[in-house]
mmCIF file of all heavy atoms, coordinates in Angstrom:
data_MODEL
# 
_entry.id   MODEL 
# 
loop_
_atom_site.group_PDB 
_atom_site.id 
_atom_site.type_symbol 
_atom_site.label_atom_id 
_atom_site.label_alt_id 
_atom_site.label_comp_id 
_atom_site.label_asym_id 
_atom_site.label_entity_id 
_atom_site.label_seq_id 
_atom_site.pdbx_PDB_ins_code 
_atom_site.Cartn_x 
_atom_site.Cartn_y 
_atom_site.Cartn_z 
_atom_site.occupancy 
_atom_site.B_iso_or_equiv 
_atom_site.pdbx_formal_charge 
_atom_site.auth_seq_id 
_atom_site.auth_comp_id 
_atom_site.auth_asym_id 
_atom_site.auth_atom_id 
_atom_site.pdbx_PDB_model_num 
ATOM 1   N N   . GLU A 1 1  ? -1.994  4.901  -12.310 1.00 0.00 ? 1  GLU A N   1 
ATOM 2   C CA  . GLU A 1 1  ? -1.511  3.816  -11.389 1.00 0.00 ? 1  GLU A CA  1 
ATOM 3   C C   . GLU A 1 1  ? -1.119  4.517  -9.984  1.00 0.00 ? 1  GLU A C   1 
ATOM 4   O O   . GLU A 1 1  ? -1.500  3.902  -8.915  1.00 0.00 ? 1  GLU A O   1 
ATOM 5   C CB  . GLU A 1 1  ? -0.245  3.213  -11.943 1.00 0.00 ? 1  GLU A CB  1 
ATOM 6   C CG  . GLU A 1 1  ? 0.446   2.177  -11.072 1.00 0.00 ? 1  GLU A CG  1 
ATOM 7   C CD  . GLU A 1 1  ? 1.740   1.675  -11.636 1.00 0.00 ? 1  GLU A CD  1 
ATOM 8   O OE1 . GLU A 1 1  ? 1.873   1.735  -12.906 1.00 0.00 ? 1  GLU A OE1 1 
ATOM 9   O OE2 . GLU A 1 1  ? 2.619   1.316  -10.884 1.00 0.00 ? 1  GLU A OE2 1 
ATOM 10  N N   . ALA A 1 2  ? -0.475  5.666  -10.039 1.00 0.00 ? 2  ALA A N   1 
ATOM 11  C CA  . ALA A 1 2  ? -0.154  6.273  -8.706  1.00 0.00 ? 2  ALA A CA  1 
ATOM 12  C C   . ALA A 1 2  ? -1.424  6.733  -7.993  1.00 0.00 ? 2  ALA A C   1 
ATOM 13  O O   . ALA A 1 2  ? -1.556  6.678  -6.797  1.00 0.00 ? 2  ALA A O   1 
ATOM 14  C CB  . ALA A 1 2  ? 0.786   7.456  -9.012  1.00 0.00 ? 2  ALA A CB  1 
ATOM 15  N N   . LEU A 1 3  ? -2.394  7.341  -8.771  1.00 0.00 ? 3  LEU A N   1 
ATOM 16  C CA  . LEU A 1 3  ? -3.688  7.750  -8.118  1.00 0.00 ? 3  LEU A CA  1 
ATOM 17  C C   . LEU A 1 3  ? -4.426  6.618  -7.477  1.00 0.00 ? 3  LEU A C   1 
ATOM 18  O O   . LEU A 1 3  ? -4.924  6.711  -6.332  1.00 0.00 ? 3  LEU A O   1 
ATOM 19  C CB  . LEU A 1 3  ? -4.514  8.464  -9.194  1.00 0.00 ? 3  LEU A CB  1 
ATOM 20  C CG  . LEU A 1 3  ? -5.934  8.939  -8.720  1.00 0.00 ? 3  LEU A CG  1 
ATOM 21  C CD1 . LEU A 1 3  ? -5.808  9.915  -7.558  1.00 0.00 ? 3  LEU A CD1 1 
ATOM 22  C CD2 . LEU A 1 3  ? -6.656  9.497  -9.861  1.00 0.00 ? 3  LEU A CD2 1 
ATOM 23  N N   . ALA A 1 4  ? -4.414  5.479  -8.191  1.00 0.00 ? 4  ALA A N   1 
ATOM 24  C CA  . ALA A 1 4  ? -5.120  4.267  -7.636  1.00 0.00 ? 4  ALA A CA  1 
ATOM 25  C C   . ALA A 1 4  ? -4.390  3.796  -6.413  1.00 0.00 ? 4  ALA A C   1 
ATOM 26  O O   . ALA A 1 4  ? -4.993  3.356  -5.417  1.00 0.00 ? 4  ALA A O   1 
ATOM 27  C CB  . ALA A 1 4  ? -5.205  3.174  -8.740  1.00 0.00 ? 4  ALA A CB  1 
ATOM 28  N N   . ALA A 1 5  ? -3.044  3.814  -6.385  1.00 0.00 ? 5  ALA A N   1 
ATOM 29  C CA  . ALA A 1 5  ? -2.269  3.364  -5.308  1.00 0.00 ? 5  ALA A CA  1 
ATOM 30  C C   . ALA A 1 5  ? -2.543  4.139  -4.046  1.00 0.00 ? 5  ALA A C   1 
ATOM 31  O O   . ALA A 1 5  ? -2.630  3.575  -2.932  1.00 0.00 ? 5  ALA A O   1 
ATOM 32  C CB  . ALA A 1 5  ? -0.744  3.406  -5.622  1.00 0.00 ? 5  ALA A CB  1 
ATOM 33  N N   . LEU A 1 6  ? -2.707  5.458  -4.158  1.00 0.00 ? 6  LEU A N   1 
ATOM 34  C CA  . LEU A 1 6  ? -2.960  6.286  -2.996  1.00 0.00 ? 6  LEU A CA  1 
ATOM 35  C C   . LEU A 1 6  ? -4.465  6.338  -2.582  1.00 0.00 ? 6  LEU A C   1 
ATOM 36  O O   . LEU A 1 6  ? -4.744  6.435  -1.334  1.00 0.00 ? 6  LEU A O   1 
ATOM 37  C CB  . LEU A 1 6  ? -2.462  7.707  -3.216  1.00 0.00 ? 6  LEU A CB  1 
ATOM 38  C CG  . LEU A 1 6  ? -1.056  7.964  -2.728  1.00 0.00 ? 6  LEU A CG  1 
ATOM 39  C CD1 . LEU A 1 6  ? -0.059  7.206  -3.553  1.00 0.00 ? 6  LEU A CD1 1 
ATOM 40  C CD2 . LEU A 1 6  ? -0.787  9.498  -2.793  1.00 0.00 ? 6  LEU A CD2 1 
ATOM 41  N N   . SER A 1 7  ? -5.363  6.276  -3.561  1.00 0.00 ? 7  SER A N   1 
ATOM 42  C CA  . SER A 1 7  ? -6.789  6.486  -3.225  1.00 0.00 ? 7  SER A CA  1 
ATOM 43  C C   . SER A 1 7  ? -7.586  5.139  -3.250  1.00 0.00 ? 7  SER A C   1 
ATOM 44  O O   . SER A 1 7  ? -8.766  5.194  -3.001  1.00 0.00 ? 7  SER A O   1 
ATOM 45  C CB  . SER A 1 7  ? -7.394  7.461  -4.276  1.00 0.00 ? 7  SER A CB  1 
ATOM 46  O OG  . SER A 1 7  ? -7.382  6.872  -5.541  1.00 0.00 ? 7  SER A OG  1 
ATOM 47  N N   . GLY A 1 8  ? -6.960  4.040  -3.537  1.00 0.00 ? 8  GLY A N   1 
ATOM 48  C CA  . GLY A 1 8  ? -7.661  2.789  -3.467  1.00 0.00 ? 8  GLY A CA  1 
ATOM 49  C C   . GLY A 1 8  ? -8.103  2.275  -4.817  1.00 0.00 ? 8  GLY A C   1 
ATOM 50  O O   . GLY A 1 8  ? -8.072  1.016  -5.061  1.00 0.00 ? 8  GLY A O   1 
ATOM 51  N N   . SER A 1 9  ? -8.562  3.118  -5.707  1.00 0.00 ? 9  SER A N   1 
ATOM 52  C CA  . SER A 1 9  ? -8.979  2.697  -6.995  1.00 0.00 ? 9  SER A CA  1 
ATOM 53  C C   . SER A 1 9  ? -9.014  3.955  -7.971  1.00 0.00 ? 9  SER A C   1 
ATOM 54  O O   . SER A 1 9  ? -8.987  5.018  -7.443  1.00 0.00 ? 9  SER A O   1 
ATOM 55  C CB  . SER A 1 9  ? -10.344 2.060  -6.985  1.00 0.00 ? 9  SER A CB  1 
ATOM 56  O OG  . SER A 1 9  ? -11.344 2.973  -6.563  1.00 0.00 ? 9  SER A OG  1 
ATOM 57  N N   . LEU A 1 10 ? -9.120  3.666  -9.228  1.00 0.00 ? 10 LEU A N   1 
ATOM 58  C CA  . LEU A 1 10 ? -9.157  4.801  -10.171 1.00 0.00 ? 10 LEU A CA  1 
ATOM 59  C C   . LEU A 1 10 ? -10.565 5.336  -10.231 1.00 0.00 ? 10 LEU A C   1 
ATOM 60  O O   . LEU A 1 10 ? -11.584 4.640  -10.478 1.00 0.00 ? 10 LEU A O   1 
ATOM 61  C CB  . LEU A 1 10 ? -8.730  4.326  -11.539 1.00 0.00 ? 10 LEU A CB  1 
ATOM 62  C CG  . LEU A 1 10 ? -8.140  5.354  -12.499 1.00 0.00 ? 10 LEU A CG  1 
ATOM 63  C CD1 . LEU A 1 10 ? -6.936  5.976  -11.959 1.00 0.00 ? 10 LEU A CD1 1 
ATOM 64  C CD2 . LEU A 1 10 ? -7.828  4.634  -13.793 1.00 0.00 ? 10 LEU A CD2 1 
ATOM 65  N N   . PRO A 1 11 ? -10.781 6.658  -9.919  1.00 0.00 ? 11 PRO A N   1 
ATOM 66  C CA  . PRO A 1 11 ? -12.130 7.216  -9.964  1.00 0.00 ? 11 PRO A CA  1 
ATOM 67  C C   . PRO A 1 11 ? -12.584 7.377  -11.429 1.00 0.00 ? 11 PRO A C   1 
ATOM 68  O O   . PRO A 1 11 ? -11.844 7.255  -12.355 1.00 0.00 ? 11 PRO A O   1 
ATOM 69  C CB  . PRO A 1 11 ? -11.963 8.537  -9.258  1.00 0.00 ? 11 PRO A CB  1 
ATOM 70  C CG  . PRO A 1 11 ? -10.532 8.974  -9.465  1.00 0.00 ? 11 PRO A CG  1 
ATOM 71  C CD  . PRO A 1 11 ? -9.777  7.617  -9.492  1.00 0.00 ? 11 PRO A CD  1 
ATOM 72  N N   . GLN A 1 12 ? -13.886 7.750  -11.531 1.00 0.00 ? 12 GLN A N   1 
ATOM 73  C CA  . GLN A 1 12 ? -14.427 8.017  -12.815 1.00 0.00 ? 12 GLN A CA  1 
ATOM 74  C C   . GLN A 1 12 ? -13.643 9.198  -13.469 1.00 0.00 ? 12 GLN A C   1 
ATOM 75  O O   . GLN A 1 12 ? -13.351 10.216 -12.780 1.00 0.00 ? 12 GLN A O   1 
ATOM 76  C CB  . GLN A 1 12 ? -15.917 8.398  -12.765 1.00 0.00 ? 12 GLN A CB  1 
ATOM 77  C CG  . GLN A 1 12 ? -16.577 8.572  -14.080 1.00 0.00 ? 12 GLN A CG  1 
ATOM 78  C CD  . GLN A 1 12 ? -18.105 8.845  -13.862 1.00 0.00 ? 12 GLN A CD  1 
ATOM 79  O OE1 . GLN A 1 12 ? -18.642 8.487  -12.849 1.00 0.00 ? 12 GLN A OE1 1 
ATOM 80  N NE2 . GLN A 1 12 ? -18.727 9.429  -14.913 1.00 0.00 ? 12 GLN A NE2 1 
ATOM 81  N N   . ALA A 1 13 ? -13.400 9.140  -14.783 1.00 0.00 ? 13 ALA A N   1 
ATOM 82  C CA  . ALA A 1 13 ? -12.612 10.169 -15.421 1.00 0.00 ? 13 ALA A CA  1 
ATOM 83  C C   . ALA A 1 13 ? -13.358 11.515 -15.385 1.00 0.00 ? 13 ALA A C   1 
ATOM 84  O O   . ALA A 1 13 ? -14.577 11.582 -15.562 1.00 0.00 ? 13 ALA A O   1 
ATOM 85  C CB  . ALA A 1 13 ? -12.307 9.816  -16.908 1.00 0.00 ? 13 ALA A CB  1 
ATOM 86  N N   . ARG A 1 14 ? -12.518 12.593 -15.108 1.00 0.00 ? 14 ARG A N   1 
ATOM 87  C CA  . ARG A 1 14 ? -12.991 13.945 -15.156 1.00 0.00 ? 14 ARG A CA  1 
ATOM 88  C C   . ARG A 1 14 ? -14.199 14.168 -14.193 1.00 0.00 ? 14 ARG A C   1 
ATOM 89  O O   . ARG A 1 14 ? -15.068 15.026 -14.488 1.00 0.00 ? 14 ARG A O   1 
ATOM 90  C CB  . ARG A 1 14 ? -13.320 14.399 -16.596 1.00 0.00 ? 14 ARG A CB  1 
ATOM 91  C CG  . ARG A 1 14 ? -12.097 14.425 -17.452 1.00 0.00 ? 14 ARG A CG  1 
ATOM 92  C CD  . ARG A 1 14 ? -12.374 14.781 -18.923 1.00 0.00 ? 14 ARG A CD  1 
ATOM 93  N NE  . ARG A 1 14 ? -11.090 15.043 -19.603 1.00 0.00 ? 14 ARG A NE  1 
ATOM 94  C CZ  . ARG A 1 14 ? -10.334 14.086 -20.075 1.00 0.00 ? 14 ARG A CZ  1 
ATOM 95  N NH1 . ARG A 1 14 ? -10.703 12.818 -19.947 1.00 0.00 ? 14 ARG A NH1 1 
ATOM 96  N NH2 . ARG A 1 14 ? -9.194  14.370 -20.645 1.00 0.00 ? 14 ARG A NH2 1 
ATOM 97  N N   . ARG A 1 15 ? -14.258 13.475 -13.136 1.00 0.00 ? 15 ARG A N   1 
ATOM 98  C CA  . ARG A 1 15 ? -15.314 13.742 -12.104 1.00 0.00 ? 15 ARG A CA  1 
ATOM 99  C C   . ARG A 1 15 ? -14.656 13.760 -10.755 1.00 0.00 ? 15 ARG A C   1 
ATOM 100 O O   . ARG A 1 15 ? -14.004 12.779 -10.357 1.00 0.00 ? 15 ARG A O   1 
ATOM 101 C CB  . ARG A 1 15 ? -16.384 12.649 -12.171 1.00 0.00 ? 15 ARG A CB  1 
ATOM 102 C CG  . ARG A 1 15 ? -17.517 12.934 -11.217 1.00 0.00 ? 15 ARG A CG  1 
ATOM 103 C CD  . ARG A 1 15 ? -18.679 11.978 -11.543 1.00 0.00 ? 15 ARG A CD  1 
ATOM 104 N NE  . ARG A 1 15 ? -19.825 12.324 -10.635 1.00 0.00 ? 15 ARG A NE  1 
ATOM 105 C CZ  . ARG A 1 15 ? -21.022 11.742 -10.734 1.00 0.00 ? 15 ARG A CZ  1 
ATOM 106 N NH1 . ARG A 1 15 ? -21.236 10.784 -11.747 1.00 0.00 ? 15 ARG A NH1 1 
ATOM 107 N NH2 . ARG A 1 15 ? -21.988 11.990 -9.899  1.00 0.00 ? 15 ARG A NH2 1 
ATOM 108 N N   . ALA A 1 16 ? -14.808 14.832 -9.969  1.00 0.00 ? 16 ALA A N   1 
ATOM 109 C CA  . ALA A 1 16 ? -14.171 14.960 -8.673  1.00 0.00 ? 16 ALA A CA  1 
ATOM 110 C C   . ALA A 1 16 ? -14.729 13.931 -7.712  1.00 0.00 ? 16 ALA A C   1 
ATOM 111 O O   . ALA A 1 16 ? -15.962 13.767 -7.638  1.00 0.00 ? 16 ALA A O   1 
ATOM 112 C CB  . ALA A 1 16 ? -14.302 16.334 -8.145  1.00 0.00 ? 16 ALA A CB  1 
ATOM 113 N N   . SER A 1 17 ? -13.863 13.261 -6.955  1.00 0.00 ? 17 SER A N   1 
ATOM 114 C CA  . SER A 1 17 ? -14.261 12.397 -5.946  1.00 0.00 ? 17 SER A CA  1 
ATOM 115 C C   . SER A 1 17 ? -13.507 12.621 -4.648  1.00 0.00 ? 17 SER A C   1 
ATOM 116 O O   . SER A 1 17 ? -12.306 12.992 -4.663  1.00 0.00 ? 17 SER A O   1 
ATOM 117 C CB  . SER A 1 17 ? -13.965 10.944 -6.416  1.00 0.00 ? 17 SER A CB  1 
ATOM 118 O OG  . SER A 1 17 ? -14.586 10.643 -7.658  1.00 0.00 ? 17 SER A OG  1 
ATOM 119 N N   . VAL A 1 18 ? -14.145 12.436 -3.536  1.00 0.00 ? 18 VAL A N   1 
ATOM 120 C CA  . VAL A 1 18 ? -13.464 12.571 -2.238  1.00 0.00 ? 18 VAL A CA  1 
ATOM 121 C C   . VAL A 1 18 ? -12.968 11.210 -1.754  1.00 0.00 ? 18 VAL A C   1 
ATOM 122 O O   . VAL A 1 18 ? -13.830 10.277 -1.716  1.00 0.00 ? 18 VAL A O   1 
ATOM 123 C CB  . VAL A 1 18 ? -14.439 13.183 -1.178  1.00 0.00 ? 18 VAL A CB  1 
ATOM 124 C CG1 . VAL A 1 18 ? -13.758 13.213 0.181   1.00 0.00 ? 18 VAL A CG1 1 
ATOM 125 C CG2 . VAL A 1 18 ? -14.898 14.542 -1.635  1.00 0.00 ? 18 VAL A CG2 1 
ATOM 126 N N   . ARG A 1 19 ? -11.746 11.059 -1.605  1.00 0.00 ? 19 ARG A N   1 
ATOM 127 C CA  . ARG A 1 19 ? -11.143 9.780  -1.259  1.00 0.00 ? 19 ARG A CA  1 
ATOM 128 C C   . ARG A 1 19 ? -10.180 9.983  -0.095  1.00 0.00 ? 19 ARG A C   1 
ATOM 129 O O   . ARG A 1 19 ? -9.451  10.963 0.027   1.00 0.00 ? 19 ARG A O   1 
ATOM 130 C CB  . ARG A 1 19 ? -10.365 9.252  -2.432  1.00 0.00 ? 19 ARG A CB  1 
ATOM 131 C CG  . ARG A 1 19 ? -11.200 8.973  -3.700  1.00 0.00 ? 19 ARG A CG  1 
ATOM 132 C CD  . ARG A 1 19 ? -11.956 7.651  -3.498  1.00 0.00 ? 19 ARG A CD  1 
ATOM 133 N NE  . ARG A 1 19 ? -12.698 7.278  -4.673  1.00 0.00 ? 19 ARG A NE  1 
ATOM 134 C CZ  . ARG A 1 19 ? -12.170 6.504  -5.683  1.00 0.00 ? 19 ARG A CZ  1 
ATOM 135 N NH1 . ARG A 1 19 ? -10.959 6.039  -5.627  1.00 0.00 ? 19 ARG A NH1 1 
ATOM 136 N NH2 . ARG A 1 19 ? -12.905 6.192  -6.773  1.00 0.00 ? 19 ARG A NH2 1 
ATOM 137 N N   . PRO A 1 20 ? -10.019 8.903  0.762   1.00 0.00 ? 20 PRO A N   1 
ATOM 138 C CA  . PRO A 1 20 ? -8.885  8.823  1.673   1.00 0.00 ? 20 PRO A CA  1 
ATOM 139 C C   . PRO A 1 20 ? -7.575  8.552  0.956   1.00 0.00 ? 20 PRO A C   1 
ATOM 140 O O   . PRO A 1 20 ? -7.568  7.673  0.061   1.00 0.00 ? 20 PRO A O   1 
ATOM 141 C CB  . PRO A 1 20 ? -9.269  7.787  2.680   1.00 0.00 ? 20 PRO A CB  1 
ATOM 142 C CG  . PRO A 1 20 ? -10.160 6.867  1.879   1.00 0.00 ? 20 PRO A CG  1 
ATOM 143 C CD  . PRO A 1 20 ? -10.843 7.782  0.869   1.00 0.00 ? 20 PRO A CD  1 
ATOM 144 N N   . LEU A 1 21 ? -6.548  9.272  1.257   1.00 0.00 ? 21 LEU A N   1 
ATOM 145 C CA  . LEU A 1 21 ? -5.215  8.943  0.629   1.00 0.00 ? 21 LEU A CA  1 
ATOM 146 C C   . LEU A 1 21 ? -4.332  8.164  1.680   1.00 0.00 ? 21 LEU A C   1 
ATOM 147 O O   . LEU A 1 21 ? -4.245  8.613  2.846   1.00 0.00 ? 21 LEU A O   1 
ATOM 148 C CB  . LEU A 1 21 ? -4.514  10.278 0.274   1.00 0.00 ? 21 LEU A CB  1 
ATOM 149 C CG  . LEU A 1 21 ? -5.248  11.136 -0.717  1.00 0.00 ? 21 LEU A CG  1 
ATOM 150 C CD1 . LEU A 1 21 ? -4.359  12.358 -1.069  1.00 0.00 ? 21 LEU A CD1 1 
ATOM 151 C CD2 . LEU A 1 21 ? -5.572  10.401 -2.035  1.00 0.00 ? 21 LEU A CD2 1 
ATOM 152 N N   . ARG A 1 22 ? -3.743  7.086  1.195   1.00 0.00 ? 22 ARG A N   1 
ATOM 153 C CA  . ARG A 1 22 ? -3.003  6.252  2.070   1.00 0.00 ? 22 ARG A CA  1 
ATOM 154 C C   . ARG A 1 22 ? -1.637  5.969  1.506   1.00 0.00 ? 22 ARG A C   1 
ATOM 155 O O   . ARG A 1 22 ? -1.518  5.891  0.268   1.00 0.00 ? 22 ARG A O   1 
ATOM 156 C CB  . ARG A 1 22 ? -3.701  4.917  2.393   1.00 0.00 ? 22 ARG A CB  1 
ATOM 157 C CG  . ARG A 1 22 ? -5.053  5.096  3.059   1.00 0.00 ? 22 ARG A CG  1 
ATOM 158 C CD  . ARG A 1 22 ? -5.704  3.780  3.385   1.00 0.00 ? 22 ARG A CD  1 
ATOM 159 N NE  . ARG A 1 22 ? -7.081  4.011  3.947   1.00 0.00 ? 22 ARG A NE  1 
ATOM 160 C CZ  . ARG A 1 22 ? -7.335  4.193  5.263   1.00 0.00 ? 22 ARG A CZ  1 
ATOM 161 N NH1 . ARG A 1 22 ? -6.269  4.277  6.139   1.00 0.00 ? 22 ARG A NH1 1 
ATOM 162 N NH2 . ARG A 1 22 ? -8.518  4.423  5.708   1.00 0.00 ? 22 ARG A NH2 1 
ATOM 163 N N   . ASP A 1 23 ? -0.634  5.776  2.290   1.00 0.00 ? 23 ASP A N   1 
ATOM 164 C CA  . ASP A 1 23 ? 0.674   5.489  1.827   1.00 0.00 ? 23 ASP A CA  1 
ATOM 165 C C   . ASP A 1 23 ? 0.854   3.925  1.530   1.00 0.00 ? 23 ASP A C   1 
ATOM 166 O O   . ASP A 1 23 ? -0.082  3.229  1.717   1.00 0.00 ? 23 ASP A O   1 
ATOM 167 C CB  . ASP A 1 23 ? 1.797   5.962  2.701   1.00 0.00 ? 23 ASP A CB  1 
ATOM 168 C CG  . ASP A 1 23 ? 1.768   5.280  4.131   1.00 0.00 ? 23 ASP A CG  1 
ATOM 169 O OD1 . ASP A 1 23 ? 1.146   4.218  4.216   1.00 0.00 ? 23 ASP A OD1 1 
ATOM 170 O OD2 . ASP A 1 23 ? 2.351   5.855  5.068   1.00 0.00 ? 23 ASP A OD2 1 
ATOM 171 N N   . GLY A 1 24 ? 2.045   3.540  1.207   1.00 0.00 ? 24 GLY A N   1 
ATOM 172 C CA  . GLY A 1 24 ? 2.229   2.122  0.849   1.00 0.00 ? 24 GLY A CA  1 
ATOM 173 C C   . GLY A 1 24 ? 2.003   1.187  2.024   1.00 0.00 ? 24 GLY A C   1 
ATOM 174 O O   . GLY A 1 24 ? 1.715   -0.047 1.781   1.00 0.00 ? 24 GLY A O   1 
ATOM 175 N N   . ASP A 1 25 ? 2.084   1.674  3.236   1.00 0.00 ? 25 ASP A N   1 
ATOM 176 C CA  . ASP A 1 25 ? 1.825   0.816  4.407   1.00 0.00 ? 25 ASP A CA  1 
ATOM 177 C C   . ASP A 1 25 ? 0.335   0.802  4.849   1.00 0.00 ? 25 ASP A C   1 
ATOM 178 O O   . ASP A 1 25 ? -0.011  0.251  5.890   1.00 0.00 ? 25 ASP A O   1 
ATOM 179 C CB  . ASP A 1 25 ? 2.690   1.191  5.560   1.00 0.00 ? 25 ASP A CB  1 
ATOM 180 C CG  . ASP A 1 25 ? 4.191   1.014  5.273   1.00 0.00 ? 25 ASP A CG  1 
ATOM 181 O OD1 . ASP A 1 25 ? 4.513   0.070  4.495   1.00 0.00 ? 25 ASP A OD1 1 
ATOM 182 O OD2 . ASP A 1 25 ? 5.030   1.843  5.724   1.00 0.00 ? 25 ASP A OD2 1 
ATOM 183 N N   . GLY A 1 26 ? -0.450  1.631  4.140   1.00 0.00 ? 26 GLY A N   1 
ATOM 184 C CA  . GLY A 1 26 ? -1.933  1.703  4.459   1.00 0.00 ? 26 GLY A CA  1 
ATOM 185 C C   . GLY A 1 26 ? -2.213  2.834  5.499   1.00 0.00 ? 26 GLY A C   1 
ATOM 186 O O   . GLY A 1 26 ? -3.361  2.990  5.871   1.00 0.00 ? 26 GLY A O   1 
# 
């Protein structure tokens, strides 16, 4: 839940993904 909150969605399990990280205000 925390990973999805910061990165936008839950990535595929056990596979590295490059994502923008955002706080609660976007």
